[in-house]
């Protein structure tokens, strides 16, 4: 079974970029703290400590915003059904009813979407998209895959679908 969170707000991408920037600054301060033992001035030590605490607070704020932009919506797929969980309701669609199934190549990449390097590019170039059509409606989702295991599960599902005659287009 494949599971992924659905991005509900495009602000997720810009917030993720800001979080990456603060992570880089935090890493720099962490590297600087190595030299604290060689600094005899307690004022510099205090400044580094305060800056680190401020960065941790800002990082916490960005992470809570990211969780807000993701929301509670998720996508779960097994070989027979696709389920869209919206938190308070759930919609299950049999795989036999799907047509025009399209999956972006980036979604199939070996990199996990939470990888920092995948968020460096402009938002318009990010293509972690999963699209499909039912009899009456077309769906398109930006997904966040949180583990390499889920990428492998998706690959197995696609192989299974293609063996059963379903056409899967890679964007």
Foldseek 3Di string as FASTA:
>chain_A
DFKWFFQQDLVLLVLLLVLVVLVVVLVVLVVVVVCVVVDPDVVVVVVSVVVNVVSVVVNVVSVVVNCVRRADWMWDDDLFWIWIDRPVDIDIDTPVQKAPWEAEVVLLDQDFCSPSVLSPDDSVPRGRWTWIDGPPDIDITRTGGDDSVSSVNVVVSVVSCVVVPGDYHYD
